[in-house]
Protein backbone atom coordinates (compact mmCIF):
# COMPACT_ATOMS: atom_id res chain seq x y z
CA MET A 1 -3.98 9.10 -29.95
CA SER A 2 -1.87 5.83 -29.19
CA ASN A 3 -1.74 3.80 -26.21
CA GLU A 4 2.25 4.25 -26.51
CA GLN A 5 2.09 8.00 -26.16
CA THR A 6 -0.33 7.98 -22.83
CA ASN A 7 2.32 5.13 -21.21
CA LYS A 8 3.64 8.10 -18.63
CA LEU A 9 -0.01 8.48 -17.07
CA ARG A 10 -0.31 5.53 -14.97
CA HIS A 11 -3.16 6.64 -12.17
CA LEU A 12 -5.34 9.77 -13.10
CA ALA A 13 -7.39 11.20 -10.39
CA ILE A 14 -10.42 13.33 -11.42
CA ILE A 15 -12.28 15.88 -9.17
CA MET A 16 -15.85 15.30 -10.79
CA ASP A 17 -17.00 19.46 -10.42
CA GLY A 18 -19.47 21.33 -12.13
CA ASN A 19 -22.57 19.20 -12.30
CA ARG A 20 -25.21 21.52 -10.55
CA ARG A 21 -24.05 24.39 -12.82
CA TRP A 22 -24.42 22.58 -16.09
CA ALA A 23 -28.20 22.12 -14.94
CA ARG A 24 -28.72 25.50 -13.92
CA LYS A 25 -27.26 27.00 -17.27
CA HIS A 26 -29.93 24.28 -19.01
CA GLY A 27 -32.69 25.25 -16.71
CA LEU A 28 -33.13 21.83 -15.48
CA PRO A 29 -32.81 20.81 -11.81
CA ALA A 30 -29.72 19.61 -10.21
CA ALA A 31 -30.60 15.92 -10.49
CA ALA A 32 -31.13 16.04 -14.07
CA GLY A 33 -26.59 17.89 -14.08
CA HIS A 34 -25.99 14.48 -11.42
CA LYS A 35 -27.72 12.09 -13.96
CA LYS A 36 -25.65 13.66 -17.02
CA GLY A 37 -22.34 13.39 -15.51
CA ALA A 38 -22.92 9.73 -14.19
CA GLU A 39 -23.55 9.44 -18.23
CA THR A 40 -20.25 11.05 -18.39
CA LEU A 41 -18.54 9.02 -15.84
CA GLU A 42 -19.47 5.64 -17.84
CA GLN A 43 -17.64 7.86 -21.21
CA VAL A 44 -14.81 8.61 -19.19
CA CYS A 45 -14.05 5.02 -18.14
CA ARG A 46 -13.82 3.68 -21.63
CA ASP A 47 -11.99 6.31 -22.69
CA ALA A 48 -9.77 6.13 -20.20
CA LYS A 49 -8.69 2.43 -20.61
CA ASP A 50 -8.53 2.84 -24.56
CA LEU A 51 -5.92 5.72 -23.84
CA GLY A 52 -3.92 2.89 -21.42
CA ILE A 53 -4.46 4.94 -18.21
CA ARG A 54 -4.51 1.87 -15.77
CA TYR A 55 -5.72 3.68 -12.55
CA LEU A 56 -8.67 6.07 -12.36
CA THR A 57 -9.64 7.73 -9.36
CA LEU A 58 -13.11 9.66 -9.03
CA TYR A 59 -14.40 12.06 -6.10
CA ALA A 60 -18.06 11.00 -6.71
CA PHE A 61 -19.55 12.49 -3.10
CA SER A 62 -17.85 13.85 -0.47
CA THR A 63 -17.98 13.92 3.18
CA GLU A 64 -18.98 17.10 3.26
CA ASN A 65 -21.88 16.54 0.67
CA TRP A 66 -24.22 15.21 2.89
CA GLN A 67 -24.72 18.69 4.35
CA ARG A 68 -26.65 19.57 0.49
CA ASP A 69 -30.17 20.10 0.17
CA PRO A 70 -31.70 16.26 1.28
CA GLU A 71 -33.51 16.28 -1.48
CA GLU A 72 -30.42 16.41 -4.09
CA VAL A 73 -28.75 14.03 -1.74
CA ALA A 74 -31.58 11.57 -2.44
CA ALA A 75 -31.17 11.65 -6.08
CA LEU A 76 -27.32 10.97 -5.85
CA MET A 77 -27.81 8.27 -3.35
CA GLY A 78 -30.31 6.99 -6.21
CA LEU A 79 -27.95 7.15 -8.87
CA LEU A 80 -25.57 5.26 -7.11
CA ARG A 81 -28.61 2.22 -6.56
CA GLN A 82 -28.44 2.60 -10.07
CA TYR A 83 -25.25 2.78 -10.60
CA LEU A 84 -24.60 -0.57 -8.00
CA LYS A 85 -27.89 -2.56 -9.71
CA ASN A 86 -26.77 -2.24 -13.51
CA ASP A 87 -25.70 -5.60 -15.49
CA LEU A 88 -22.54 -6.26 -14.96
CA ARG A 89 -21.72 -7.48 -18.34
CA GLU A 90 -20.73 -4.23 -19.77
CA ILE A 91 -17.72 -3.89 -16.99
CA GLN A 92 -16.56 -7.58 -17.23
CA LYS A 93 -16.65 -7.35 -21.35
CA ASN A 94 -14.10 -4.43 -20.72
CA ASN A 95 -12.21 -5.94 -18.18
CA VAL A 96 -12.55 -3.23 -15.38
CA ARG A 97 -11.99 -3.98 -11.40
CA ILE A 98 -13.72 -1.28 -9.57
CA ILE A 99 -13.36 -0.31 -5.51
CA PHE A 100 -14.83 1.76 -3.70
CA ILE A 101 -13.31 4.54 -1.05
CA GLY A 102 -14.83 6.17 1.89
CA GLU A 103 -16.92 6.14 5.11
CA ARG A 104 -19.31 3.43 4.45
CA SER A 105 -20.26 3.72 7.85
CA MET A 106 -22.20 6.81 6.50
CA LEU A 107 -24.27 4.85 3.95
CA ASP A 108 -26.96 2.64 3.79
CA LYS A 109 -26.65 -1.07 4.07
CA ASP A 110 -28.20 -1.86 0.74
CA ILE A 111 -25.58 0.71 -0.74
CA VAL A 112 -22.63 -1.04 1.26
CA ASP A 113 -24.02 -4.08 0.02
CA GLY A 114 -24.33 -3.60 -3.81
CA MET A 115 -20.22 -2.14 -3.20
CA GLN A 116 -18.97 -5.22 -1.89
CA ARG A 117 -20.86 -7.34 -4.25
CA ILE A 118 -19.26 -4.87 -7.22
CA GLU A 119 -15.86 -5.19 -5.46
CA SER A 120 -15.97 -9.09 -5.62
CA GLN A 121 -17.14 -9.68 -8.60
CA THR A 122 -14.69 -7.36 -10.53
CA ALA A 123 -11.51 -8.09 -8.24
CA GLY A 124 -10.13 -10.35 -11.00
CA ASN A 125 -10.40 -8.40 -13.97
CA THR A 126 -6.81 -6.10 -14.67
CA ASP A 127 -7.03 -3.46 -17.62
CA LEU A 128 -8.49 -0.79 -15.66
CA THR A 129 -8.91 -0.08 -11.90
CA LEU A 130 -11.67 2.32 -11.20
CA CYS A 131 -11.86 4.09 -7.88
CA LEU A 132 -14.51 5.53 -6.96
CA ALA A 133 -14.49 7.81 -3.59
CA VAL A 134 -18.43 8.19 -1.84
CA SER A 135 -18.84 9.56 1.26
CA TYR A 136 -14.60 10.71 1.28
CA GLY A 137 -12.61 12.64 3.46
CA SER A 138 -9.17 12.98 3.23
CA ARG A 139 -8.61 14.58 6.81
CA GLN A 140 -10.95 12.16 7.78
CA GLU A 141 -9.13 9.09 6.00
CA ILE A 142 -6.23 10.33 7.80
CA LEU A 143 -7.54 10.46 11.26
CA ASN A 144 -8.41 7.50 10.69
CA ALA A 145 -5.14 5.74 9.21
CA VAL A 146 -3.73 7.60 12.67
CA ARG A 147 -6.54 6.04 15.57
CA ARG A 148 -4.80 2.39 13.97
CA VAL A 149 -1.04 3.23 14.00
CA ALA A 150 -2.03 4.50 17.93
CA LYS A 151 -3.86 1.57 18.83
CA LEU A 152 -1.65 -0.75 17.13
CA VAL A 153 1.53 1.10 19.36
CA ARG A 154 -0.92 1.14 22.35
CA ALA A 155 -1.30 -3.11 21.63
CA ASP A 156 2.48 -3.06 21.62
CA GLU A 157 2.05 -4.45 17.83
CA LEU A 158 3.84 -1.97 16.57
CA LYS A 159 6.75 0.44 17.77
CA VAL A 160 6.65 3.98 17.43
CA GLU A 161 10.44 3.76 15.11
CA GLU A 162 8.36 1.26 12.76
CA ILE A 163 5.95 4.13 11.16
CA ASP A 164 7.35 4.86 8.01
CA GLU A 165 5.17 6.23 5.01
CA HIS A 166 4.78 2.97 3.33
CA LEU A 167 3.27 1.66 6.42
CA PHE A 168 0.63 4.90 6.68
CA SER A 169 0.07 4.14 3.34
CA ASN A 170 -0.94 0.74 3.72
CA LEU A 171 -3.72 2.37 6.22
CA LEU A 172 -5.14 4.26 4.38
CA TYR A 173 -8.27 3.47 1.34
CA THR A 174 -5.77 3.34 -1.13
CA LYS A 175 -3.51 0.86 0.09
CA ASP A 176 -3.81 -1.02 -2.75
CA ILE A 177 -3.14 1.47 -5.93
CA PRO A 178 -0.74 3.49 -6.88
CA ASP A 179 -0.53 7.31 -5.97
CA PRO A 180 -2.15 9.54 -8.69
CA ASP A 181 0.06 10.80 -11.43
CA MET A 182 -2.48 13.94 -11.75
CA VAL A 183 -5.25 15.16 -10.77
CA VAL A 184 -7.92 16.84 -12.27
CA ARG A 185 -10.43 19.44 -11.43
CA THR A 186 -13.02 20.35 -13.68
CA SER A 187 -15.32 23.70 -14.56
CA GLY A 188 -12.74 26.10 -13.60
CA GLU A 189 -12.26 25.98 -10.20
CA GLN A 190 -8.81 25.39 -8.70
CA ARG A 191 -9.20 23.72 -5.05
CA ILE A 192 -8.37 20.26 -4.15
CA SER A 193 -11.81 20.18 -1.95
CA ASN A 194 -10.54 17.32 1.07
CA TYR A 195 -9.46 14.97 -1.82
CA LEU A 196 -6.18 12.63 -1.49
CA LEU A 197 -4.41 14.54 0.12
CA TRP A 198 -2.14 12.19 1.67
CA GLN A 199 -2.11 10.73 -1.71
CA VAL A 200 -1.21 13.83 -3.84
CA ALA A 201 1.87 15.18 -2.26
CA TYR A 202 3.88 14.20 -5.72
CA ALA A 203 0.81 14.95 -8.32
CA GLU A 204 0.80 17.01 -11.23
CA PHE A 205 -2.39 19.35 -11.28
CA TYR A 206 -4.65 19.92 -14.24
CA PHE A 207 -7.79 22.40 -14.51
CA SER A 208 -10.08 22.39 -16.70
CA GLU A 209 -12.42 25.17 -17.54
CA LEU A 210 -15.49 22.46 -18.80
CA LEU A 211 -17.98 21.39 -16.79
CA TRP A 212 -18.47 17.65 -15.87
CA PRO A 213 -21.26 16.97 -18.03
CA ASP A 214 -19.77 18.14 -20.77
CA PHE A 215 -15.88 16.62 -20.13
CA ASN A 216 -15.29 14.49 -23.38
CA ARG A 217 -12.32 12.28 -25.03
CA ALA A 218 -11.03 15.19 -26.83
CA GLU A 219 -10.54 16.98 -23.03
CA LEU A 220 -9.14 13.91 -22.07
CA GLU A 221 -6.30 13.32 -24.25
CA LYS A 222 -5.48 17.23 -23.91
CA ILE A 223 -4.47 16.47 -20.48
CA VAL A 224 -2.45 13.18 -20.93
CA ALA A 225 -0.64 15.60 -23.84
CA ASN A 226 -0.01 17.84 -21.30
CA PHE A 227 1.30 15.56 -18.39
CA ASN A 228 3.43 13.96 -20.90
CA THR A 229 5.36 17.26 -21.59
CA ARG A 230 5.83 17.75 -18.29
CA GLU A 231 9.45 16.83 -16.37
CA ARG A 232 8.67 15.31 -12.63
CA ARG A 233 11.70 15.77 -10.11
CA TYR A 234 10.33 14.35 -6.87
CA GLY A 235 12.18 17.56 -5.37
CA ARG A 236 15.65 15.93 -6.52
CA ASN A 237 16.23 19.00 -8.17
């Protein structure tokens, strides 16, 4: 598939679901599923860039995931630390910009410091923006934006009649990137799970039967082709 065929799909958001089921299916601990899922994430980034996708937002760890077994959470944080400490040569070689969205106050300081370092070092890269949602929950994101609006109004820095969609969008974590064109959830589940609730107002949806660790380029190409057959009306008719 050529990049010309993918130009309509600018921003793809994925709910990466199925790591634990993949592990159970193969008789492995949950941590093994998450490790395999992390490998899939890296490959999908390369494939997305190759197919001409400019923005890729991946749901890596939700605020609700903090309620999981502490051992599993620790394993996930370990994978994140490993990712943050990896040599950036490949990222720089592929001209990928990385940003993180989510509740950083819930993360350990070394993780937050690693996020800031990678964001700073990749800020000038332009071929693909990889947005990783870590400790992310959309309701909390929206509530945070509402609180900021309230403070601005209370401080007489903003008039109520000046509040519009553009202003509100600029108070969200995703203020620097366009809204998703398509949202994909893997593993056959058909839920949005508190993901980008404001941003996906006009997104297309696709539900893949593959567990995330089994997700591959062929499935990504199928999703891109599916998107390019859809007519997006935005409520016009």
